[in-house]
Protein backbone atom coordinates (compact mmCIF):
# COMPACT_ATOMS: atom_id res chain seq x y z
CA MET A 1 -0.01 -0.13 -0.38
CA ALA A 2 1.68 3.02 -0.87
CA SER A 3 1.63 6.48 1.44
CA LEU A 4 -1.90 9.06 0.55
CA GLU A 5 1.35 11.60 -0.47
CA ILE A 6 1.62 8.80 -3.46
CA GLU A 7 -1.77 7.91 -3.62
CA ALA A 8 -2.33 11.57 -4.36
CA LEU A 9 -0.19 12.08 -6.92
CA SER A 10 -1.72 8.83 -8.63
CA ALA A 11 -4.53 10.10 -8.01
CA ALA A 12 -3.86 13.66 -9.64
CA LEU A 13 -2.85 11.87 -12.82
CA ALA A 14 -5.22 10.11 -13.43
CA ARG A 15 -7.35 12.93 -13.56
CA LEU A 16 -4.68 14.19 -16.59
CA PRO A 17 -6.29 13.24 -19.92
CA GLY A 18 -5.01 10.16 -21.80
CA PHE A 19 -4.40 9.15 -18.13
CA GLY A 20 -6.73 6.60 -16.12
CA PRO A 21 -5.80 4.40 -12.62
CA ARG A 22 -2.59 2.37 -13.78
CA SER A 23 -1.64 4.07 -16.15
CA ALA A 24 -1.03 6.83 -13.79
CA ARG A 25 0.37 4.41 -11.34
CA ARG A 26 2.65 3.53 -13.68
CA ALA A 27 3.62 7.01 -14.47
CA VAL A 28 4.36 7.20 -10.85
CA LEU A 29 6.07 4.34 -10.52
CA HIS A 30 8.59 5.42 -12.87
CA LEU A 31 9.11 8.77 -11.98
CA LEU A 32 9.92 7.77 -8.25
CA LYS A 33 12.34 5.33 -9.43
CA LYS A 34 14.26 7.29 -11.86
CA ARG A 35 14.16 10.20 -9.51
CA GLU A 36 16.71 11.97 -10.47
CA GLY A 37 16.11 11.49 -13.85
CA ALA A 38 12.10 12.41 -14.53
CA LEU A 39 10.71 12.98 -10.78
CA VAL A 40 13.10 16.01 -10.09
CA PRO A 41 13.09 17.70 -14.03
CA LEU A 42 9.24 17.65 -13.83
CA LEU A 43 8.80 19.28 -10.38
CA ARG A 44 11.18 22.28 -11.33
CA ALA A 45 9.10 22.33 -15.40
CA LEU A 46 6.55 22.32 -13.52
CA GLU A 47 7.18 25.30 -11.27
CA ALA A 48 8.72 27.25 -13.47
CA VAL A 49 4.78 26.74 -15.62
CA ASP A 50 3.30 27.46 -12.62
CA VAL A 51 4.95 31.19 -12.16
CA ARG A 52 5.33 32.41 -15.61
CA LEU A 53 1.72 31.06 -17.46
CA ALA A 54 0.01 33.84 -19.20
CA GLU A 55 -2.52 33.16 -21.07
CA CYS A 56 -1.62 34.79 -24.45
CA GLN A 57 -4.30 38.84 -24.91
CA VAL A 58 -4.26 38.62 -28.50
CA CYS A 59 -5.16 35.56 -29.48
CA GLY A 60 -5.69 33.14 -26.21
CA ASN A 61 -3.20 31.20 -26.62
CA ILE A 62 -0.64 29.20 -23.58
CA ASP A 63 1.86 30.42 -22.83
CA THR A 64 5.29 31.97 -20.44
CA SER A 65 5.10 35.57 -21.77
CA ASP A 66 1.60 38.19 -23.16
CA PRO A 67 2.05 38.09 -25.97
CA CYS A 68 3.32 34.79 -26.29
CA GLY A 69 6.12 33.41 -29.21
CA ILE A 70 3.76 33.53 -32.32
CA CYS A 71 2.41 36.97 -31.19
CA ALA A 72 5.43 38.60 -30.63
CA ASP A 73 6.74 37.30 -33.76
CA PRO A 74 7.84 40.18 -36.60
CA ARG A 75 7.85 37.12 -38.85
CA ARG A 76 4.80 36.02 -39.06
CA ASP A 77 2.10 37.33 -41.10
CA ASP A 78 -0.33 39.59 -40.07
CA ARG A 79 -2.72 39.82 -42.95
CA SER A 80 -4.06 35.83 -41.87
CA ILE A 81 -5.29 34.90 -38.74
CA ALA A 82 -6.16 31.36 -38.53
CA VAL A 83 -9.46 31.13 -36.20
CA VAL A 84 -9.27 27.48 -34.21
CA GLU A 85 -11.85 26.04 -30.82
CA GLU A 86 -9.16 25.13 -28.53
CA VAL A 87 -4.89 26.56 -27.57
CA ALA A 88 -4.80 22.51 -28.66
CA ASP A 89 -5.81 22.82 -31.97
CA LEU A 90 -3.19 25.74 -32.22
CA TRP A 91 -0.53 23.37 -31.62
CA ALA A 92 -2.08 20.88 -33.05
CA LEU A 93 -1.71 23.61 -36.56
CA GLU A 94 1.88 24.93 -35.72
CA ARG A 95 2.80 21.48 -35.15
CA SER A 96 3.02 21.30 -38.89
CA ARG A 97 4.68 24.43 -39.78
CA LEU A 98 3.46 24.99 -42.36
CA PHE A 99 0.46 27.71 -41.37
CA PRO A 100 2.50 31.98 -41.76
CA GLY A 101 -0.18 34.08 -39.94
CA ARG A 102 -1.58 34.47 -36.54
CA PHE A 103 -3.72 32.92 -34.59
CA HIS A 104 -7.06 33.31 -32.93
CA VAL A 105 -8.14 31.16 -29.99
CA LEU A 106 -11.53 31.61 -29.10
CA GLY A 107 -11.72 28.81 -26.35
CA GLY A 108 -14.02 26.53 -26.87
CA ARG A 109 -18.10 26.33 -29.45
CA LEU A 110 -20.81 27.44 -29.72
CA SER A 111 -23.52 24.15 -28.27
CA ALA A 112 -26.61 25.39 -27.38
CA LEU A 113 -26.62 21.23 -25.31
CA ASP A 114 -23.73 22.39 -23.12
CA GLY A 115 -24.91 26.40 -23.32
CA VAL A 116 -22.06 27.98 -24.88
CA ARG A 117 -23.28 30.57 -26.24
CA PRO A 118 -21.53 33.94 -28.62
CA GLU A 119 -20.44 35.77 -26.25
CA ASP A 120 -18.76 32.70 -23.90
CA LEU A 121 -16.56 32.24 -26.79
CA THR A 122 -14.11 35.16 -28.30
CA ILE A 123 -15.43 36.23 -30.82
CA ASP A 124 -16.13 39.54 -30.28
CA ARG A 125 -11.99 40.84 -29.84
CA LEU A 126 -11.78 38.49 -33.20
CA VAL A 127 -14.77 41.76 -34.88
CA VAL A 128 -12.20 43.71 -32.76
CA ARG A 129 -8.84 42.35 -34.32
CA VAL A 130 -10.17 42.56 -38.20
CA GLU A 131 -11.96 46.00 -37.51
CA LYS A 132 -8.54 46.81 -36.42
CA GLY A 133 -7.59 46.58 -40.37
CA GLY A 134 -4.90 45.21 -41.83
CA VAL A 135 -6.01 41.49 -41.89
CA ASP A 136 -6.70 39.76 -45.50
CA GLU A 137 -7.59 36.50 -45.14
CA ILE A 138 -9.31 34.22 -41.55
CA VAL A 139 -8.61 30.34 -42.27
CA LEU A 140 -12.07 29.25 -40.14
CA ALA A 141 -10.27 26.23 -38.09
CA MET A 142 -12.49 24.84 -36.72
CA ASN A 143 -13.22 21.19 -35.74
CA ALA A 144 -15.40 19.32 -38.33
CA THR A 145 -18.48 18.22 -36.05
CA LEU A 146 -21.57 19.98 -36.18
CA GLU A 147 -20.56 22.70 -33.18
CA GLY A 148 -17.72 23.61 -35.33
CA GLN A 149 -18.58 24.53 -38.09
CA THR A 150 -22.07 26.41 -36.53
CA THR A 151 -19.40 28.33 -35.03
CA ALA A 152 -17.15 28.35 -38.96
CA HIS A 153 -21.02 29.60 -40.00
CA TYR A 154 -21.20 32.00 -37.52
CA ILE A 155 -18.08 33.84 -37.28
CA ALA A 156 -18.89 33.97 -41.72
CA ASP A 157 -21.93 35.91 -40.84
CA ARG A 158 -20.12 38.55 -38.20
CA LEU A 159 -17.34 38.67 -40.56
CA ASP A 160 -19.83 39.97 -43.73
CA GLY A 161 -19.45 42.95 -45.26
CA PHE A 162 -15.67 43.22 -44.16
CA PRO A 163 -13.04 42.59 -46.73
CA VAL A 164 -12.03 39.78 -45.47
CA ARG A 165 -11.76 36.30 -47.88
CA LEU A 166 -13.16 33.98 -45.38
CA THR A 167 -11.82 30.98 -45.80
CA GLN A 168 -11.93 27.04 -44.16
CA LEU A 169 -9.94 24.00 -43.35
CA ALA A 170 -10.21 21.33 -46.81
CA HIS A 171 -12.63 18.57 -45.57
CA GLY A 172 -10.32 16.46 -45.62
CA LEU A 173 -10.28 16.24 -42.15
CA PRO A 174 -12.01 13.46 -40.74
CA VAL A 175 -15.66 13.74 -39.36
CA GLY A 176 -15.83 14.03 -35.76
CA GLY A 177 -12.55 14.32 -35.63
CA GLU A 178 -11.12 17.12 -33.52
CA LEU A 179 -7.79 18.18 -34.80
CA ASP A 180 -5.72 18.09 -31.43
CA TYR A 181 -5.71 14.07 -32.48
CA LEU A 182 -4.95 14.73 -36.45
CA ASP A 183 -1.46 12.72 -37.70
CA ASP A 184 0.34 15.93 -39.02
CA GLY A 185 -0.03 15.11 -42.56
CA THR A 186 -2.99 15.05 -41.88
CA LEU A 187 -2.52 19.30 -40.39
CA ALA A 188 -0.66 20.10 -43.51
CA GLN A 189 -2.98 18.52 -46.33
CA ALA A 190 -6.15 20.67 -45.25
CA LEU A 191 -3.75 23.13 -44.45
CA ARG A 192 -2.76 23.43 -48.20
CA ALA A 193 -6.30 22.54 -49.39
CA ARG A 194 -7.87 25.22 -47.23
CA ARG A 195 -10.90 26.91 -49.28
CA PRO A 196 -13.16 29.45 -49.52
CA MET A 197 -16.48 29.37 -47.23
CA GLY A 198 -19.52 29.55 -48.63
């Protein structure tokens, strides 16, 4: 029987996505056996992130600086913004290294069932970014779910009348698929084949 502290660590890990009680216990055993090589570096990394964690006030990314590294990068193309549901989707697109523009994280997707309304998302902040000018293209990179497509259509309606081209990821993405779970090849193809909306 493990101590209360070790059980608490196992329980905390089990609450993370991808971990269940058994995989959490295996991870804890690994951390305890490899204390200097695994546990101590993990603790230092968690403490550093905890102290410096910030939400980017420009795009909504989570980083250790505000503005985030993407928004602060002068090499990014200001004329193109990819709109994503969650930070995990931003990170997935960024992994492909094919999108040179900026990002905007909505913080979710419209869902009547879950009570998520337009004002619960950062759609107004996106409209303000477009109103400032200098944006030629909005890539609506929503997940290929009913809620994701509803959100994309709502944003398209809100941006109607602005001189921006609306595109969306090609539907080579599986229906019901989420960006964070797709392989890099599928993401790369979807970015290359984006097309006008509507």
